[in-house]
Amino acid sequence: MASGALAEQAGTLAAVAQGPFVLQCALGDGAGQFAGMSVDVRQRRQRFEACLDIVRRLLAGEEVSADGAWPLVNARTGPRPPQPVEVWIAAGA
């Protein structure tokens, strides 16, 4: 339910923010960051993309059902941000 919790926290911050809200995120790096959560580092891209899709849809006010790494059934979250949340994705290569 990490994606639902993230969407609820971001939605709450966006609702009380004065002006636009930017959600900043990144994939992370190194097996050590993922081992603590029992996640294979090779799954990071797929898990990140799935979570980001769910979070964006929840913040837009959609009802979301998903299976896989982030299982949800008819999930909704609130408060809904007063304006669209912009997403910035950090990367290094």
N, C-alpha and C. Protein backbone atom coordinates (compact mmCIF):
# COMPACT_ATOMS: atom_id res chain seq x y z
N MET A 1 0.82 -1.20 0.00
CA MET A 1 0.00 0.00 0.00
C MET A 1 0.86 1.26 0.00
N ALA A 2 2.14 1.12 -0.25
CA ALA A 2 3.05 2.26 -0.25
C ALA A 2 2.61 3.33 -1.24
N SER A 3 2.12 2.93 -2.40
CA SER A 3 1.71 3.91 -3.40
C SER A 3 0.50 4.72 -2.92
N GLY A 4 -0.42 4.08 -2.23
CA GLY A 4 -1.59 4.78 -1.70
C GLY A 4 -1.21 5.77 -0.60
N ALA A 5 -0.29 5.35 0.26
CA ALA A 5 0.18 6.23 1.34
C ALA A 5 0.92 7.43 0.76
N LEU A 6 1.75 7.18 -0.25
CA LEU A 6 2.48 8.28 -0.90
C LEU A 6 1.50 9.26 -1.53
N ALA A 7 0.50 8.76 -2.23
CA ALA A 7 -0.48 9.63 -2.87
C ALA A 7 -1.24 10.45 -1.83
N GLU A 8 -1.60 9.84 -0.71
CA GLU A 8 -2.33 10.57 0.33
C GLU A 8 -1.47 11.65 0.95
N GLN A 9 -0.21 11.35 1.23
CA GLN A 9 0.69 12.35 1.82
C GLN A 9 0.97 13.48 0.84
N ALA A 10 1.24 13.15 -0.41
CA ALA A 10 1.49 14.18 -1.42
C ALA A 10 0.23 15.02 -1.65
N GLY A 11 -0.93 14.38 -1.68
CA GLY A 11 -2.18 15.10 -1.85
C GLY A 11 -2.44 16.07 -0.72
N THR A 12 -2.15 15.66 0.51
CA THR A 12 -2.33 16.53 1.67
C THR A 12 -1.39 17.72 1.60
N LEU A 13 -0.11 17.47 1.29
CA LEU A 13 0.84 18.58 1.17
C LEU A 13 0.44 19.53 0.04
N ALA A 14 0.01 18.98 -1.09
CA ALA A 14 -0.40 19.82 -2.22
C ALA A 14 -1.64 20.64 -1.87
N ALA A 15 -2.51 20.08 -1.05
CA ALA A 15 -3.74 20.80 -0.68
C ALA A 15 -3.45 22.00 0.23
N VAL A 16 -2.41 21.91 1.05
CA VAL A 16 -2.11 23.02 1.96
C VAL A 16 -1.02 23.95 1.43
N ALA A 17 -0.36 23.54 0.35
CA ALA A 17 0.71 24.37 -0.22
C ALA A 17 0.13 25.62 -0.87
N GLN A 18 0.89 26.66 -0.82
CA GLN A 18 0.51 27.89 -1.49
C GLN A 18 1.13 27.85 -2.88
N GLY A 19 0.34 27.57 -3.90
CA GLY A 19 0.86 27.51 -5.26
C GLY A 19 1.08 26.08 -5.71
N PRO A 20 1.77 25.91 -6.81
CA PRO A 20 1.98 24.58 -7.38
C PRO A 20 2.79 23.67 -6.45
N PHE A 21 2.53 22.39 -6.54
CA PHE A 21 3.25 21.39 -5.75
C PHE A 21 4.00 20.47 -6.70
N VAL A 22 5.27 20.19 -6.39
CA VAL A 22 6.10 19.32 -7.22
C VAL A 22 6.49 18.10 -6.40
N LEU A 23 6.13 16.92 -6.90
CA LEU A 23 6.54 15.66 -6.28
C LEU A 23 7.86 15.25 -6.91
N GLN A 24 8.90 15.17 -6.10
CA GLN A 24 10.23 14.80 -6.58
C GLN A 24 10.51 13.35 -6.21
N CYS A 25 10.99 12.57 -7.16
CA CYS A 25 11.25 11.16 -6.89
C CYS A 25 12.43 10.67 -7.72
N ALA A 26 12.92 9.48 -7.38
CA ALA A 26 14.05 8.89 -8.09
C ALA A 26 14.01 7.38 -7.90
N LEU A 27 14.76 6.68 -8.73
CA LEU A 27 14.81 5.22 -8.67
C LEU A 27 15.59 4.69 -7.48
N GLY A 28 16.61 5.39 -7.05
CA GLY A 28 17.50 4.86 -6.03
C GLY A 28 18.60 4.05 -6.70
N ASP A 29 19.61 3.72 -5.92
CA ASP A 29 20.73 2.99 -6.50
C ASP A 29 21.40 2.14 -5.44
N GLY A 30 21.90 1.02 -5.84
CA GLY A 30 22.65 0.15 -4.95
C GLY A 30 21.77 -0.91 -4.32
N ALA A 31 22.26 -2.12 -4.35
CA ALA A 31 21.50 -3.25 -3.82
C ALA A 31 21.19 -3.08 -2.33
N GLY A 32 22.07 -2.39 -1.60
CA GLY A 32 21.85 -2.20 -0.17
C GLY A 32 20.57 -1.45 0.16
N GLN A 33 20.20 -0.47 -0.67
CA GLN A 33 18.96 0.28 -0.45
C GLN A 33 17.73 -0.61 -0.59
N PHE A 34 17.83 -1.60 -1.44
CA PHE A 34 16.68 -2.44 -1.73
C PHE A 34 16.63 -3.68 -0.86
N ALA A 35 17.80 -4.17 -0.41
CA ALA A 35 17.86 -5.38 0.41
C ALA A 35 17.09 -5.21 1.72
N GLY A 36 17.14 -4.03 2.30
CA GLY A 36 16.43 -3.77 3.54
C GLY A 36 14.92 -3.92 3.41
N MET A 37 14.42 -3.80 2.20
CA MET A 37 12.98 -3.95 1.95
C MET A 37 12.66 -5.27 1.26
N SER A 38 13.67 -6.15 1.18
CA SER A 38 13.52 -7.46 0.53
C SER A 38 13.07 -7.33 -0.92
N VAL A 39 13.66 -6.37 -1.62
CA VAL A 39 13.34 -6.12 -3.02
C VAL A 39 14.62 -6.30 -3.84
N ASP A 40 14.52 -7.01 -4.94
CA ASP A 40 15.64 -7.20 -5.84
C ASP A 40 15.87 -5.89 -6.61
N VAL A 41 17.10 -5.38 -6.58
CA VAL A 41 17.42 -4.11 -7.23
C VAL A 41 17.08 -4.15 -8.73
N ARG A 42 17.09 -5.34 -9.32
CA ARG A 42 16.76 -5.45 -10.75
C ARG A 42 15.29 -5.17 -11.04
N GLN A 43 14.46 -5.11 -10.02
CA GLN A 43 13.03 -4.82 -10.20
C GLN A 43 12.71 -3.34 -10.01
N ARG A 44 13.72 -2.53 -9.75
CA ARG A 44 13.44 -1.14 -9.36
C ARG A 44 12.71 -0.35 -10.43
N ARG A 45 13.08 -0.49 -11.71
CA ARG A 45 12.41 0.28 -12.75
C ARG A 45 10.95 -0.09 -12.85
N GLN A 46 10.65 -1.38 -12.89
CA GLN A 46 9.26 -1.82 -13.02
C GLN A 46 8.43 -1.39 -11.81
N ARG A 47 8.98 -1.54 -10.63
CA ARG A 47 8.25 -1.15 -9.42
C ARG A 47 8.05 0.36 -9.36
N PHE A 48 9.06 1.12 -9.73
CA PHE A 48 8.97 2.58 -9.76
C PHE A 48 7.87 3.03 -10.72
N GLU A 49 7.89 2.49 -11.94
CA GLU A 49 6.89 2.88 -12.94
C GLU A 49 5.48 2.52 -12.49
N ALA A 50 5.31 1.34 -11.91
CA ALA A 50 3.98 0.93 -11.44
C ALA A 50 3.49 1.84 -10.32
N CYS A 51 4.37 2.14 -9.37
CA CYS A 51 4.00 3.01 -8.26
C CYS A 51 3.67 4.42 -8.75
N LEU A 52 4.49 4.96 -9.63
CA LEU A 52 4.26 6.31 -10.13
C LEU A 52 2.94 6.41 -10.89
N ASP A 53 2.62 5.40 -11.67
CA ASP A 53 1.34 5.38 -12.38
C ASP A 53 0.17 5.41 -11.39
N ILE A 54 0.25 4.60 -10.35
CA ILE A 54 -0.82 4.56 -9.34
C ILE A 54 -0.93 5.91 -8.63
N VAL A 55 0.19 6.47 -8.21
CA VAL A 55 0.18 7.75 -7.48
C VAL A 55 -0.42 8.85 -8.35
N ARG A 56 0.00 8.93 -9.60
CA ARG A 56 -0.55 9.97 -10.50
C ARG A 56 -2.06 9.82 -10.65
N ARG A 57 -2.52 8.60 -10.83
CA ARG A 57 -3.96 8.37 -11.01
C ARG A 57 -4.75 8.70 -9.74
N LEU A 58 -4.22 8.31 -8.58
CA LEU A 58 -4.90 8.63 -7.33
C LEU A 58 -4.96 10.15 -7.10
N LEU A 59 -3.86 10.85 -7.38
CA LEU A 59 -3.84 12.30 -7.20
C LEU A 59 -4.79 13.01 -8.17
N ALA A 60 -5.08 12.37 -9.30
CA ALA A 60 -6.02 12.94 -10.26
C ALA A 60 -7.48 12.66 -9.87
N GLY A 61 -7.67 11.92 -8.78
CA GLY A 61 -9.03 11.64 -8.31
C GLY A 61 -9.63 10.34 -8.83
N GLU A 62 -8.83 9.53 -9.51
CA GLU A 62 -9.33 8.26 -10.05
C GLU A 62 -9.48 7.22 -8.95
N GLU A 63 -10.35 6.26 -9.19
CA GLU A 63 -10.43 5.05 -8.38
C GLU A 63 -9.52 4.03 -9.05
N VAL A 64 -8.60 3.44 -8.29
CA VAL A 64 -7.55 2.61 -8.88
C VAL A 64 -7.59 1.19 -8.33
N SER A 65 -7.52 0.24 -9.24
CA SER A 65 -7.30 -1.17 -8.90
C SER A 65 -6.05 -1.61 -9.62
N ALA A 66 -5.20 -2.37 -8.93
CA ALA A 66 -3.95 -2.83 -9.53
C ALA A 66 -3.51 -4.11 -8.84
N ASP A 67 -2.75 -4.90 -9.57
CA ASP A 67 -2.13 -6.07 -8.96
C ASP A 67 -0.63 -5.97 -9.17
N GLY A 68 0.10 -6.96 -8.84
CA GLY A 68 1.55 -6.89 -8.98
C GLY A 68 2.19 -6.43 -7.68
N ALA A 69 3.23 -5.62 -7.80
CA ALA A 69 3.98 -5.17 -6.62
C ALA A 69 3.15 -4.29 -5.69
N TRP A 70 2.16 -3.59 -6.24
CA TRP A 70 1.33 -2.66 -5.45
C TRP A 70 -0.14 -3.02 -5.60
N PRO A 71 -0.60 -4.09 -4.96
CA PRO A 71 -2.00 -4.51 -5.14
C PRO A 71 -2.98 -3.54 -4.46
N LEU A 72 -3.98 -3.12 -5.22
CA LEU A 72 -5.03 -2.23 -4.73
C LEU A 72 -6.36 -2.67 -5.34
N VAL A 73 -7.44 -2.49 -4.59
CA VAL A 73 -8.77 -2.77 -5.10
C VAL A 73 -9.64 -1.55 -4.83
N ASN A 74 -10.08 -0.91 -5.88
CA ASN A 74 -10.97 0.25 -5.79
C ASN A 74 -10.46 1.30 -4.81
N ALA A 75 -9.19 1.63 -4.89
CA ALA A 75 -8.58 2.60 -3.97
C ALA A 75 -8.85 4.02 -4.43
N ARG A 76 -9.07 4.88 -3.46
CA ARG A 76 -9.20 6.32 -3.67
C ARG A 76 -8.43 7.00 -2.56
N THR A 77 -8.07 8.22 -2.75
CA THR A 77 -7.36 8.94 -1.70
C THR A 77 -7.83 10.38 -1.67
N GLY A 78 -7.55 11.03 -0.59
CA GLY A 78 -7.90 12.42 -0.44
C GLY A 78 -7.00 13.03 0.61
N PRO A 79 -6.91 14.31 0.71
CA PRO A 79 -7.63 15.26 -0.14
C PRO A 79 -7.04 15.31 -1.54
N ARG A 80 -7.87 15.73 -2.46
CA ARG A 80 -7.42 15.88 -3.83
C ARG A 80 -6.77 17.26 -3.99
N PRO A 81 -5.59 17.30 -4.59
CA PRO A 81 -4.90 18.59 -4.76
C PRO A 81 -5.75 19.57 -5.59
N PRO A 82 -5.69 20.86 -5.24
CA PRO A 82 -6.49 21.85 -5.97
C PRO A 82 -6.03 22.07 -7.41
N GLN A 83 -4.78 21.72 -7.70
CA GLN A 83 -4.27 21.82 -9.06
C GLN A 83 -3.40 20.59 -9.33
N PRO A 84 -3.16 20.27 -10.59
CA PRO A 84 -2.38 19.07 -10.90
C PRO A 84 -1.00 19.10 -10.24
N VAL A 85 -0.57 17.91 -9.78
CA VAL A 85 0.75 17.77 -9.17
C VAL A 85 1.76 17.48 -10.26
N GLU A 86 2.81 18.30 -10.30
CA GLU A 86 3.88 18.08 -11.25
C GLU A 86 4.85 17.06 -10.65
N VAL A 87 5.40 16.18 -11.49
CA VAL A 87 6.33 15.15 -11.03
C VAL A 87 7.69 15.38 -11.68
N TRP A 88 8.71 15.46 -10.85
CA TRP A 88 10.09 15.55 -11.34
C TRP A 88 10.79 14.26 -10.95
N ILE A 89 11.48 13.66 -11.93
CA ILE A 89 12.18 12.40 -11.69
C ILE A 89 13.68 12.66 -11.82
N ALA A 90 14.40 12.41 -10.75
CA ALA A 90 15.85 12.61 -10.73
C ALA A 90 16.54 11.41 -11.39
N ALA A 91 17.66 11.67 -12.04
CA ALA A 91 18.40 10.59 -12.69
C ALA A 91 19.86 10.97 -12.82
N GLY A 92 20.67 9.97 -12.91
CA GLY A 92 22.08 10.16 -13.15
C GLY A 92 22.56 9.04 -14.07
N ALA A 93 23.49 9.33 -14.91
CA ALA A 93 23.98 8.29 -15.82
C ALA A 93 25.47 8.48 -16.04
